[in-house]
Amino acid sequence: MEIILSSATALETFIEGCYIIAPDYNKNNYTLLVNDIRDLGFKNVREHRINTYNRGYLTGMNFQLPPLAQNSLIGVIKGSMVIVALDMRASSLTYGRTLKIVLTSPDCQVLNLGLQIYIPSGLAYGLVCLEDNTLAQYYIDIESASDYQCGVSWKSAECFDVFLQVLSQYDISESDVNMPPYIEKYKTLKNSPIYFH
C-alpha cells in the first residue's frame, strides 16, 4: 500500500505497519516529515539522535518492551547501512519474519537514494554499517528506558542469514554478543501479557 504524505511517500512493506519512506528532499523539512508520519502511528518525538558508525559495525536485534515500546524513523545522513527488522508481534501474520533494507544518504549515487524506514513498536531491529563515518539519524517517539530495553541475538535463525550476506567481518559490542537467541528467549512469551500483541 502506498500513502502519499505532504513531504514523502510511504510504501508499506510485507510486514504490517513497517514502511519504507521516500522523502521529498526538495522540501528538506524533517519537522514536516515527522508530523506526516503521525498518520502511521508515530507519536511526538521524544528522542532525536545522530550516531556515527564505521564499516562492519553491527548491532543486535534491539527493542523496548511495553508499555514503553517505541516507534522509530531511521535514515542515513552520510554513508550507508543495512537495517534488519524482525516482527515480534504474536498476533501478526508475519510473526518471526525479517525484512532487510539498505539505507543510503540522499546524495548517494546508488540505489535506495535517501530512503528511510519507519519501524513500528513490536519489531526488533539491528544494523550493519557498510561505510566508515556513516551518520545515522533516529527519531523515536518514546524515550529510551534501560529497564525496558531488550534484545535478541543477531545470530538467531530468523536474522543471521541477512547479516551474513552483507559483510564477512564485524565489530559488535559485548552486550550484543551475549544476547540470547530469539527462539530460546521468546517462544515461551508468545502468549504472555507483557509481550507484543
N, C-alpha and C. Protein backbone atom coordinates (compact mmCIF):
# COMPACT_ATOMS: atom_id res chain seq x y z
N MET A 1 0.84 -1.19 0.00
CA MET A 1 0.00 0.00 0.00
C MET A 1 0.89 1.25 0.00
N GLU A 2 0.52 2.21 -0.80
CA GLU A 2 1.26 3.47 -0.89
C GLU A 2 0.44 4.58 -0.26
N ILE A 3 1.08 5.37 0.60
CA ILE A 3 0.42 6.51 1.23
C ILE A 3 1.19 7.77 0.83
N ILE A 4 0.49 8.72 0.24
CA ILE A 4 1.11 9.98 -0.16
C ILE A 4 0.99 10.96 1.00
N LEU A 5 2.13 11.37 1.54
CA LEU A 5 2.17 12.36 2.62
C LEU A 5 2.58 13.69 2.02
N SER A 6 2.45 14.77 2.77
CA SER A 6 2.78 16.09 2.21
C SER A 6 4.27 16.25 1.96
N SER A 7 5.12 15.46 2.66
CA SER A 7 6.57 15.62 2.50
C SER A 7 7.26 14.32 2.08
N ALA A 8 6.48 13.27 1.79
CA ALA A 8 7.10 11.97 1.47
C ALA A 8 6.05 11.02 0.92
N THR A 9 6.54 9.91 0.40
CA THR A 9 5.68 8.79 0.04
C THR A 9 6.04 7.62 0.95
N ALA A 10 5.03 6.97 1.52
CA ALA A 10 5.25 5.84 2.42
C ALA A 10 4.77 4.57 1.73
N LEU A 11 5.66 3.59 1.59
CA LEU A 11 5.33 2.32 0.97
C LEU A 11 5.34 1.24 2.04
N GLU A 12 4.18 0.61 2.29
CA GLU A 12 4.13 -0.41 3.31
C GLU A 12 4.84 -1.67 2.82
N THR A 13 5.65 -2.26 3.68
CA THR A 13 6.36 -3.49 3.35
C THR A 13 5.44 -4.68 3.60
N PHE A 14 5.96 -5.90 3.40
CA PHE A 14 5.14 -7.08 3.67
C PHE A 14 4.88 -7.25 5.17
N ILE A 15 5.62 -6.52 6.02
CA ILE A 15 5.36 -6.52 7.45
C ILE A 15 4.42 -5.36 7.76
N GLU A 16 3.25 -5.69 8.27
CA GLU A 16 2.22 -4.67 8.50
C GLU A 16 2.73 -3.56 9.42
N GLY A 17 2.51 -2.32 8.98
CA GLY A 17 2.88 -1.16 9.79
C GLY A 17 4.32 -0.72 9.62
N CYS A 18 5.12 -1.47 8.90
CA CYS A 18 6.52 -1.12 8.63
C CYS A 18 6.60 -0.51 7.24
N TYR A 19 7.07 0.73 7.16
CA TYR A 19 7.04 1.48 5.90
C TYR A 19 8.44 1.89 5.46
N ILE A 20 8.64 1.85 4.15
CA ILE A 20 9.80 2.49 3.53
C ILE A 20 9.34 3.90 3.18
N ILE A 21 10.09 4.89 3.65
CA ILE A 21 9.72 6.30 3.46
C ILE A 21 10.65 6.91 2.40
N ALA A 22 10.04 7.48 1.38
CA ALA A 22 10.79 8.19 0.34
C ALA A 22 10.51 9.68 0.51
N PRO A 23 11.37 10.40 1.23
CA PRO A 23 11.11 11.82 1.47
C PRO A 23 11.24 12.66 0.20
N ASP A 24 10.54 13.77 0.18
CA ASP A 24 10.70 14.76 -0.87
C ASP A 24 11.79 15.72 -0.41
N TYR A 25 13.02 15.47 -0.85
CA TYR A 25 14.14 16.27 -0.35
C TYR A 25 14.15 17.68 -0.92
N ASN A 26 13.30 17.95 -1.89
CA ASN A 26 13.16 19.34 -2.36
C ASN A 26 12.56 20.21 -1.26
N LYS A 27 11.73 19.59 -0.41
CA LYS A 27 11.15 20.33 0.71
C LYS A 27 12.11 20.40 1.88
N ASN A 28 12.93 19.35 2.02
CA ASN A 28 14.02 19.36 3.01
C ASN A 28 13.56 19.82 4.39
N ASN A 29 12.47 19.26 4.83
CA ASN A 29 11.90 19.71 6.09
C ASN A 29 11.59 18.49 6.95
N TYR A 30 12.50 18.15 7.88
CA TYR A 30 12.31 16.97 8.71
C TYR A 30 11.15 17.14 9.69
N THR A 31 10.90 18.38 10.11
CA THR A 31 9.76 18.61 11.00
C THR A 31 8.47 18.23 10.31
N LEU A 32 8.35 18.61 9.04
CA LEU A 32 7.17 18.26 8.26
C LEU A 32 7.06 16.76 8.12
N LEU A 33 8.17 16.08 7.87
CA LEU A 33 8.16 14.62 7.72
C LEU A 33 7.72 13.94 9.02
N VAL A 34 8.27 14.38 10.14
CA VAL A 34 7.91 13.79 11.43
C VAL A 34 6.42 14.01 11.71
N ASN A 35 5.90 15.18 11.35
CA ASN A 35 4.47 15.42 11.52
C ASN A 35 3.66 14.49 10.63
N ASP A 36 4.15 14.26 9.41
CA ASP A 36 3.45 13.39 8.47
C ASP A 36 3.33 11.96 8.99
N ILE A 37 4.39 11.44 9.59
CA ILE A 37 4.37 10.03 9.97
C ILE A 37 3.50 9.76 11.20
N ARG A 38 2.93 10.81 11.77
CA ARG A 38 1.93 10.58 12.82
C ARG A 38 0.75 9.80 12.24
N ASP A 39 0.51 9.97 10.94
CA ASP A 39 -0.56 9.22 10.28
C ASP A 39 -0.27 7.71 10.29
N LEU A 40 1.00 7.33 10.49
CA LEU A 40 1.38 5.92 10.50
C LEU A 40 1.41 5.35 11.92
N GLY A 41 1.16 6.19 12.93
CA GLY A 41 1.15 5.73 14.31
C GLY A 41 2.24 6.34 15.18
N PHE A 42 3.09 7.20 14.59
CA PHE A 42 4.16 7.85 15.33
C PHE A 42 3.58 8.91 16.25
N LYS A 43 4.08 8.94 17.49
CA LYS A 43 3.63 9.96 18.43
C LYS A 43 4.59 11.15 18.34
N ASN A 44 4.58 12.02 19.33
CA ASN A 44 5.51 13.14 19.34
C ASN A 44 6.94 12.65 19.51
N VAL A 45 7.89 13.38 18.92
CA VAL A 45 9.30 13.00 19.03
C VAL A 45 9.77 13.18 20.47
N ARG A 46 10.29 12.11 21.06
CA ARG A 46 10.84 12.15 22.41
C ARG A 46 12.36 12.07 22.38
N GLU A 47 12.89 11.47 21.33
CA GLU A 47 14.35 11.39 21.17
C GLU A 47 14.70 11.65 19.72
N HIS A 48 15.74 12.44 19.52
CA HIS A 48 16.32 12.63 18.20
C HIS A 48 17.82 12.53 18.37
N ARG A 49 18.42 11.57 17.72
CA ARG A 49 19.87 11.42 17.88
C ARG A 49 20.52 11.06 16.56
N ILE A 50 21.80 11.39 16.47
CA ILE A 50 22.61 11.05 15.31
C ILE A 50 23.81 10.26 15.81
N ASN A 51 23.97 9.05 15.30
CA ASN A 51 25.07 8.18 15.69
C ASN A 51 26.04 8.03 14.53
N THR A 52 27.33 7.89 14.86
CA THR A 52 28.37 7.65 13.86
C THR A 52 28.83 6.20 13.96
N TYR A 53 28.88 5.51 12.81
CA TYR A 53 29.33 4.13 12.77
C TYR A 53 30.41 3.96 11.71
N ASN A 54 31.29 2.97 11.91
CA ASN A 54 32.28 2.61 10.90
C ASN A 54 31.91 1.30 10.24
N ARG A 55 32.50 1.04 9.09
CA ARG A 55 32.23 -0.17 8.31
C ARG A 55 32.40 -1.41 9.19
N GLY A 56 31.42 -2.29 9.12
CA GLY A 56 31.47 -3.53 9.87
C GLY A 56 30.83 -3.46 11.24
N TYR A 57 30.45 -2.24 11.68
CA TYR A 57 29.77 -2.13 12.98
C TYR A 57 28.42 -2.83 12.89
N LEU A 58 28.11 -3.65 13.88
CA LEU A 58 26.88 -4.44 13.88
C LEU A 58 26.21 -4.34 15.24
N THR A 59 24.90 -4.15 15.24
CA THR A 59 24.14 -4.23 16.49
C THR A 59 23.13 -5.35 16.37
N GLY A 60 22.79 -5.91 17.52
CA GLY A 60 21.82 -7.00 17.54
C GLY A 60 20.41 -6.49 17.34
N MET A 61 19.46 -7.35 17.56
CA MET A 61 18.06 -7.04 17.32
C MET A 61 17.48 -6.44 18.60
N ASN A 62 17.42 -5.12 18.64
CA ASN A 62 17.03 -4.41 19.85
C ASN A 62 15.59 -3.92 19.79
N PHE A 63 14.97 -3.82 20.95
CA PHE A 63 13.62 -3.27 21.05
C PHE A 63 13.36 -2.87 22.49
N GLN A 64 12.25 -2.20 22.71
CA GLN A 64 11.86 -1.79 24.05
C GLN A 64 10.47 -2.37 24.34
N LEU A 65 10.35 -2.98 25.53
CA LEU A 65 9.12 -3.68 25.90
C LEU A 65 7.97 -2.72 26.22
N PRO A 66 6.71 -3.19 26.04
CA PRO A 66 5.55 -2.42 26.50
C PRO A 66 5.62 -2.25 28.01
N PRO A 67 5.09 -1.18 28.56
CA PRO A 67 4.27 -0.16 27.89
C PRO A 67 5.09 0.96 27.25
N LEU A 68 6.40 0.80 27.17
CA LEU A 68 7.27 1.83 26.59
C LEU A 68 7.83 1.41 25.25
N ALA A 69 7.09 0.60 24.51
CA ALA A 69 7.53 0.18 23.18
C ALA A 69 7.60 1.39 22.26
N GLN A 70 8.62 1.41 21.39
CA GLN A 70 8.92 2.59 20.59
C GLN A 70 8.59 2.41 19.12
N ASN A 71 8.14 3.50 18.48
CA ASN A 71 8.10 3.62 17.03
C ASN A 71 9.33 4.42 16.62
N SER A 72 9.98 4.02 15.54
CA SER A 72 11.23 4.68 15.15
C SER A 72 11.23 5.02 13.66
N LEU A 73 11.80 6.17 13.34
CA LEU A 73 12.08 6.56 11.96
C LEU A 73 13.60 6.66 11.83
N ILE A 74 14.17 5.88 10.91
CA ILE A 74 15.63 5.80 10.79
C ILE A 74 16.04 6.16 9.36
N GLY A 75 17.03 7.02 9.26
CA GLY A 75 17.58 7.39 7.95
C GLY A 75 19.08 7.57 8.06
N VAL A 76 19.72 7.77 6.92
CA VAL A 76 21.17 7.96 6.86
C VAL A 76 21.46 9.33 6.28
N ILE A 77 22.26 10.11 6.99
CA ILE A 77 22.66 11.44 6.52
C ILE A 77 23.89 11.33 5.63
N LYS A 78 24.79 10.42 5.99
CA LYS A 78 26.03 10.22 5.23
C LYS A 78 26.39 8.74 5.29
N GLY A 79 26.84 8.18 4.17
CA GLY A 79 27.26 6.79 4.15
C GLY A 79 26.12 5.84 3.84
N SER A 80 26.23 4.60 4.36
CA SER A 80 25.19 3.60 4.08
C SER A 80 25.23 2.50 5.13
N MET A 81 24.08 1.86 5.32
CA MET A 81 23.99 0.75 6.26
C MET A 81 22.79 -0.12 5.91
N VAL A 82 22.80 -1.33 6.42
CA VAL A 82 21.68 -2.25 6.27
C VAL A 82 20.91 -2.29 7.58
N ILE A 83 19.60 -2.14 7.48
CA ILE A 83 18.72 -2.30 8.64
C ILE A 83 17.96 -3.62 8.47
N VAL A 84 17.92 -4.41 9.53
CA VAL A 84 17.15 -5.65 9.54
C VAL A 84 16.10 -5.54 10.64
N ALA A 85 14.84 -5.72 10.29
CA ALA A 85 13.74 -5.65 11.26
C ALA A 85 13.12 -7.03 11.42
N LEU A 86 12.78 -7.38 12.65
CA LEU A 86 12.21 -8.68 13.00
C LEU A 86 10.85 -8.46 13.65
N ASP A 87 9.81 -9.06 13.11
CA ASP A 87 8.46 -8.90 13.65
C ASP A 87 8.30 -9.75 14.91
N MET A 88 8.07 -9.08 16.05
CA MET A 88 7.95 -9.75 17.35
C MET A 88 6.50 -9.81 17.84
N ARG A 89 5.55 -9.42 17.01
CA ARG A 89 4.15 -9.32 17.44
C ARG A 89 3.45 -10.67 17.29
N ALA A 90 2.99 -11.19 18.42
CA ALA A 90 2.40 -12.53 18.43
C ALA A 90 1.20 -12.65 17.52
N SER A 91 0.44 -11.58 17.36
CA SER A 91 -0.78 -11.64 16.56
C SER A 91 -0.55 -11.36 15.08
N SER A 92 0.69 -11.06 14.70
CA SER A 92 0.98 -10.67 13.32
C SER A 92 1.08 -11.87 12.39
N LEU A 93 0.63 -11.69 11.16
CA LEU A 93 0.77 -12.75 10.15
C LEU A 93 2.23 -12.96 9.77
N THR A 94 3.07 -11.98 10.05
CA THR A 94 4.50 -12.11 9.71
C THR A 94 5.35 -12.27 10.97
N TYR A 95 4.74 -12.78 12.05
CA TYR A 95 5.47 -13.03 13.30
C TYR A 95 6.72 -13.88 13.03
N GLY A 96 7.88 -13.38 13.49
CA GLY A 96 9.13 -14.11 13.34
C GLY A 96 9.84 -13.89 12.02
N ARG A 97 9.24 -13.15 11.09
CA ARG A 97 9.88 -12.91 9.79
C ARG A 97 10.73 -11.64 9.83
N THR A 98 11.72 -11.57 8.93
CA THR A 98 12.62 -10.42 8.90
C THR A 98 12.51 -9.68 7.57
N LEU A 99 12.85 -8.40 7.66
CA LEU A 99 12.89 -7.52 6.50
C LEU A 99 14.25 -6.86 6.47
N LYS A 100 14.87 -6.78 5.29
CA LYS A 100 16.18 -6.14 5.16
C LYS A 100 16.08 -5.01 4.14
N ILE A 101 16.72 -3.87 4.47
CA ILE A 101 16.79 -2.76 3.52
C ILE A 101 18.13 -2.05 3.67
N VAL A 102 18.69 -1.62 2.54
CA VAL A 102 19.90 -0.80 2.55
C VAL A 102 19.48 0.66 2.56
N LEU A 103 19.97 1.42 3.53
CA LEU A 103 19.71 2.85 3.60
C LEU A 103 20.97 3.60 3.21
N THR A 104 20.80 4.63 2.39
CA THR A 104 21.94 5.45 1.96
C THR A 104 21.61 6.92 2.17
N SER A 105 22.63 7.75 2.07
CA SER A 105 22.42 9.18 2.22
C SER A 105 21.71 9.74 0.99
N PRO A 106 21.07 10.90 1.12
CA PRO A 106 20.33 11.48 -0.01
C PRO A 106 21.20 11.79 -1.22
N ASP A 107 22.51 12.00 -1.03
CA ASP A 107 23.38 12.33 -2.17
C ASP A 107 24.12 11.12 -2.73
N CYS A 108 23.76 9.92 -2.26
CA CYS A 108 24.40 8.70 -2.74
C CYS A 108 24.02 8.45 -4.20
N GLN A 109 24.97 7.93 -4.98
CA GLN A 109 24.75 7.71 -6.40
C GLN A 109 24.34 6.27 -6.71
N VAL A 110 23.92 5.53 -5.70
CA VAL A 110 23.50 4.15 -5.92
C VAL A 110 22.02 3.99 -5.58
N LEU A 111 21.53 2.75 -5.54
CA LEU A 111 20.12 2.50 -5.26
C LEU A 111 19.71 2.99 -3.87
N ASN A 112 18.42 3.11 -3.69
CA ASN A 112 17.83 3.48 -2.40
C ASN A 112 18.23 4.88 -1.95
N LEU A 113 18.32 5.77 -2.90
CA LEU A 113 18.74 7.14 -2.65
C LEU A 113 17.92 7.80 -1.55
N GLY A 114 18.52 7.94 -0.36
CA GLY A 114 17.90 8.69 0.72
C GLY A 114 16.65 8.09 1.32
N LEU A 115 16.40 6.80 1.11
CA LEU A 115 15.23 6.19 1.72
C LEU A 115 15.38 6.11 3.23
N GLN A 116 14.26 6.09 3.93
CA GLN A 116 14.24 5.91 5.38
C GLN A 116 13.30 4.76 5.69
N ILE A 117 13.35 4.27 6.92
CA ILE A 117 12.45 3.19 7.31
C ILE A 117 11.72 3.58 8.59
N TYR A 118 10.42 3.32 8.59
CA TYR A 118 9.59 3.53 9.76
C TYR A 118 9.34 2.15 10.37
N ILE A 119 9.83 1.95 11.60
CA ILE A 119 9.71 0.67 12.29
C ILE A 119 8.73 0.84 13.45
N PRO A 120 7.58 0.17 13.39
CA PRO A 120 6.59 0.32 14.45
C PRO A 120 6.96 -0.46 15.70
N SER A 121 6.34 -0.13 16.80
CA SER A 121 6.56 -0.89 18.02
C SER A 121 6.15 -2.34 17.78
N GLY A 122 6.84 -3.25 18.43
CA GLY A 122 6.59 -4.66 18.22
C GLY A 122 7.58 -5.31 17.27
N LEU A 123 8.46 -4.49 16.67
CA LEU A 123 9.53 -5.02 15.83
C LEU A 123 10.86 -4.75 16.51
N ALA A 124 11.75 -5.72 16.45
CA ALA A 124 13.13 -5.53 16.88
C ALA A 124 13.94 -5.18 15.63
N TYR A 125 15.04 -4.45 15.81
CA TYR A 125 15.87 -4.18 14.64
C TYR A 125 17.34 -4.12 15.01
N GLY A 126 18.16 -4.40 14.01
CA GLY A 126 19.61 -4.30 14.12
C GLY A 126 20.15 -3.67 12.86
N LEU A 127 21.46 -3.45 12.83
CA LEU A 127 22.05 -2.84 11.65
C LEU A 127 23.47 -3.34 11.42
N VAL A 128 23.88 -3.24 10.17
CA VAL A 128 25.27 -3.45 9.78
C VAL A 128 25.68 -2.23 8.98
N CYS A 129 26.77 -1.58 9.39
CA CYS A 129 27.26 -0.39 8.69
C CYS A 129 28.14 -0.81 7.50
N LEU A 130 27.94 -0.17 6.35
CA LEU A 130 28.65 -0.54 5.13
C LEU A 130 29.83 0.37 4.81
N GLU A 131 29.89 1.56 5.42
CA GLU A 131 30.94 2.53 5.12
C GLU A 131 31.45 3.17 6.41
N ASP A 132 32.70 3.57 6.40
CA ASP A 132 33.24 4.33 7.52
C ASP A 132 32.54 5.68 7.63
N ASN A 133 32.47 6.18 8.85
CA ASN A 133 31.91 7.51 9.14
C ASN A 133 30.47 7.68 8.65
N THR A 134 29.71 6.61 8.75
CA THR A 134 28.29 6.70 8.40
C THR A 134 27.54 7.41 9.53
N LEU A 135 26.69 8.36 9.15
CA LEU A 135 25.87 9.09 10.12
C LEU A 135 24.43 8.62 9.99
N ALA A 136 23.91 8.03 11.06
CA ALA A 136 22.53 7.54 11.08
C ALA A 136 21.69 8.45 11.96
N GLN A 137 20.51 8.78 11.47
CA GLN A 137 19.61 9.68 12.20
C GLN A 137 18.38 8.91 12.67
N TYR A 138 18.03 9.09 13.95
CA TYR A 138 16.91 8.38 14.56
C TYR A 138 15.91 9.39 15.13
N TYR A 139 14.64 9.16 14.82
CA TYR A 139 13.55 9.85 15.51
C TYR A 139 12.77 8.77 16.25
N ILE A 140 12.56 8.93 17.55
CA ILE A 140 11.91 7.92 18.37
C ILE A 140 10.81 8.61 19.19
N ASP A 141 9.66 7.94 19.31
CA ASP A 141 8.52 8.62 19.95
C ASP A 141 8.32 8.28 21.42
N ILE A 142 9.13 7.38 21.97
CA ILE A 142 9.11 7.08 23.40
C ILE A 142 10.55 7.12 23.89
N GLU A 143 10.81 7.80 25.00
CA GLU A 143 12.18 7.88 25.49
C GLU A 143 12.72 6.51 25.86
N SER A 144 14.01 6.31 25.64
CA SER A 144 14.65 5.05 25.99
C SER A 144 14.66 4.88 27.50
N ALA A 145 14.37 3.66 27.95
CA ALA A 145 14.32 3.35 29.39
C ALA A 145 15.05 2.02 29.58
N SER A 146 16.15 2.06 30.30
CA SER A 146 17.01 0.88 30.41
C SER A 146 16.28 -0.34 30.97
N ASP A 147 15.33 -0.12 31.87
CA ASP A 147 14.61 -1.25 32.47
C ASP A 147 13.71 -1.97 31.46
N TYR A 148 13.40 -1.31 30.34
CA TYR A 148 12.51 -1.89 29.35
C TYR A 148 13.25 -2.29 28.06
N GLN A 149 14.54 -1.97 27.98
CA GLN A 149 15.29 -2.31 26.78
C GLN A 149 15.61 -3.80 26.75
N CYS A 150 15.52 -4.36 25.59
CA CYS A 150 15.68 -5.79 25.45
C CYS A 150 16.27 -6.08 24.07
N GLY A 151 16.58 -7.34 23.81
CA GLY A 151 17.11 -7.69 22.50
C GLY A 151 17.28 -9.18 22.35
N VAL A 152 17.46 -9.58 21.11
CA VAL A 152 17.74 -10.97 20.79
C VAL A 152 18.98 -11.03 19.91
N SER A 153 19.65 -12.15 19.91
CA SER A 153 20.91 -12.29 19.20
C SER A 153 20.76 -12.09 17.70
N TRP A 154 21.74 -11.43 17.12
CA TRP A 154 21.77 -11.27 15.66
C TRP A 154 22.04 -12.61 14.98
N LYS A 155 22.46 -13.62 15.77
CA LYS A 155 22.70 -14.95 15.22
C LYS A 155 21.44 -15.82 15.23
N SER A 156 20.32 -15.26 15.66
CA SER A 156 19.08 -16.01 15.66
C SER A 156 18.77 -16.51 14.25
N ALA A 157 18.12 -17.65 14.17
CA ALA A 157 17.84 -18.27 12.87
C ALA A 157 17.11 -17.31 11.94
N GLU A 158 16.23 -16.47 12.51
CA GLU A 158 15.44 -15.56 11.69
C GLU A 158 16.25 -14.37 11.19
N CYS A 159 17.43 -14.13 11.76
CA CYS A 159 18.17 -12.91 11.45
C CYS A 159 19.54 -13.16 10.83
N PHE A 160 20.14 -14.27 11.15
CA PHE A 160 21.57 -14.47 10.87
C PHE A 160 21.91 -14.36 9.39
N ASP A 161 21.14 -14.99 8.54
CA ASP A 161 21.47 -15.03 7.12
C ASP A 161 21.53 -13.65 6.49
N VAL A 162 20.64 -12.76 6.89
CA VAL A 162 20.62 -11.44 6.27
C VAL A 162 21.87 -10.64 6.64
N PHE A 163 22.41 -10.88 7.83
CA PHE A 163 23.65 -10.20 8.20
C PHE A 163 24.83 -10.80 7.44
N LEU A 164 24.86 -12.12 7.32
CA LEU A 164 25.97 -12.78 6.65
C LEU A 164 26.10 -12.37 5.19
N GLN A 165 25.01 -12.00 4.58
CA GLN A 165 25.04 -11.61 3.18
C GLN A 165 25.72 -10.26 2.96
N VAL A 166 25.97 -9.54 4.03
CA VAL A 166 26.47 -8.18 3.89
C VAL A 166 27.98 -8.08 4.05
N LEU A 167 28.51 -8.57 5.15
CA LEU A 167 29.94 -8.43 5.44
C LEU A 167 30.50 -9.72 6.02
N SER A 168 31.79 -9.92 5.83
CA SER A 168 32.44 -11.11 6.40
C SER A 168 33.10 -10.80 7.74
N GLN A 169 33.30 -9.53 8.08
CA GLN A 169 33.92 -9.14 9.34
C GLN A 169 33.02 -8.14 10.06
N TYR A 170 32.91 -8.33 11.39
CA TYR A 170 32.01 -7.49 12.17
C TYR A 170 32.73 -6.87 13.35
N ASP A 171 32.19 -5.76 13.82
CA ASP A 171 32.60 -5.13 15.06
C ASP A 171 31.34 -5.03 15.91
N ILE A 172 31.23 -5.89 16.92
CA ILE A 172 29.99 -5.97 17.68
C ILE A 172 30.28 -5.85 19.17
N SER A 173 29.41 -5.18 19.88
CA SER A 173 29.63 -4.95 21.30
C SER A 173 29.44 -6.25 22.09
N GLU A 174 30.03 -6.29 23.28
CA GLU A 174 29.93 -7.48 24.13
C GLU A 174 28.48 -7.75 24.52
N SER A 175 27.72 -6.69 24.77
CA SER A 175 26.32 -6.89 25.16
C SER A 175 25.53 -7.52 24.03
N ASP A 176 25.82 -7.13 22.78
CA ASP A 176 25.12 -7.73 21.65
C ASP A 176 25.56 -9.17 21.43
N VAL A 177 26.83 -9.46 21.65
CA VAL A 177 27.33 -10.83 21.51
C VAL A 177 26.61 -11.76 22.47
N ASN A 178 26.30 -11.26 23.67
CA ASN A 178 25.72 -12.10 24.71
C ASN A 178 24.19 -12.13 24.72
N MET A 179 23.55 -11.50 23.74
CA MET A 179 22.09 -11.55 23.70
C MET A 179 21.63 -12.98 23.43
N PRO A 180 20.52 -13.38 24.04
CA PRO A 180 20.03 -14.75 23.84
C PRO A 180 19.42 -14.92 22.46
N PRO A 181 19.41 -16.16 21.95
CA PRO A 181 18.75 -16.42 20.67
C PRO A 181 17.27 -16.11 20.75
N TYR A 182 16.70 -15.72 19.65
CA TYR A 182 15.29 -15.33 19.57
C TYR A 182 14.38 -16.47 20.03
N ILE A 183 14.55 -17.64 19.47
CA ILE A 183 13.63 -18.75 19.76
C ILE A 183 13.68 -19.14 21.23
N GLU A 184 14.88 -19.28 21.78
CA GLU A 184 15.01 -19.73 23.17
C GLU A 184 14.40 -18.74 24.15
N LYS A 185 14.58 -17.46 23.88
CA LYS A 185 14.12 -16.46 24.85
C LYS A 185 12.64 -16.16 24.73
N TYR A 186 12.10 -16.17 23.50
CA TYR A 186 10.79 -15.59 23.31
C TYR A 186 9.67 -16.56 22.93
N LYS A 187 10.00 -17.80 22.63
CA LYS A 187 8.91 -18.70 22.25
C LYS A 187 7.93 -18.90 23.40
N THR A 188 8.41 -18.83 24.65
CA THR A 188 7.52 -19.01 25.81
C THR A 188 6.74 -17.74 26.13
N LEU A 189 7.15 -16.62 25.52
CA LEU A 189 6.47 -15.35 25.81
C LEU A 189 5.38 -15.03 24.80
N LYS A 190 5.20 -15.88 23.79
CA LYS A 190 4.29 -15.53 22.71
C LYS A 190 2.90 -15.15 23.20
N ASN A 191 2.41 -15.81 24.23
CA ASN A 191 1.08 -15.50 24.74
C ASN A 191 1.12 -14.76 26.08
N SER A 192 2.26 -14.21 26.40
CA SER A 192 2.42 -13.50 27.66
C SER A 192 1.77 -12.12 27.61
N PRO A 193 1.18 -11.65 28.71
CA PRO A 193 0.58 -10.31 28.72
C PRO A 193 1.60 -9.19 28.57
N ILE A 194 2.88 -9.46 28.82
CA ILE A 194 3.88 -8.39 28.66
C ILE A 194 4.41 -8.36 27.25
N TYR A 195 3.97 -9.30 26.43
CA TYR A 195 4.53 -9.42 25.09
C TYR A 195 3.74 -8.53 24.12
N PHE A 196 4.27 -8.40 22.89
CA PHE A 196 3.59 -7.61 21.87
C PHE A 196 2.39 -8.38 21.31
N HIS A 197 1.26 -7.69 21.16
CA HIS A 197 0.08 -8.33 20.57
C HIS A 197 -0.39 -7.54 19.38
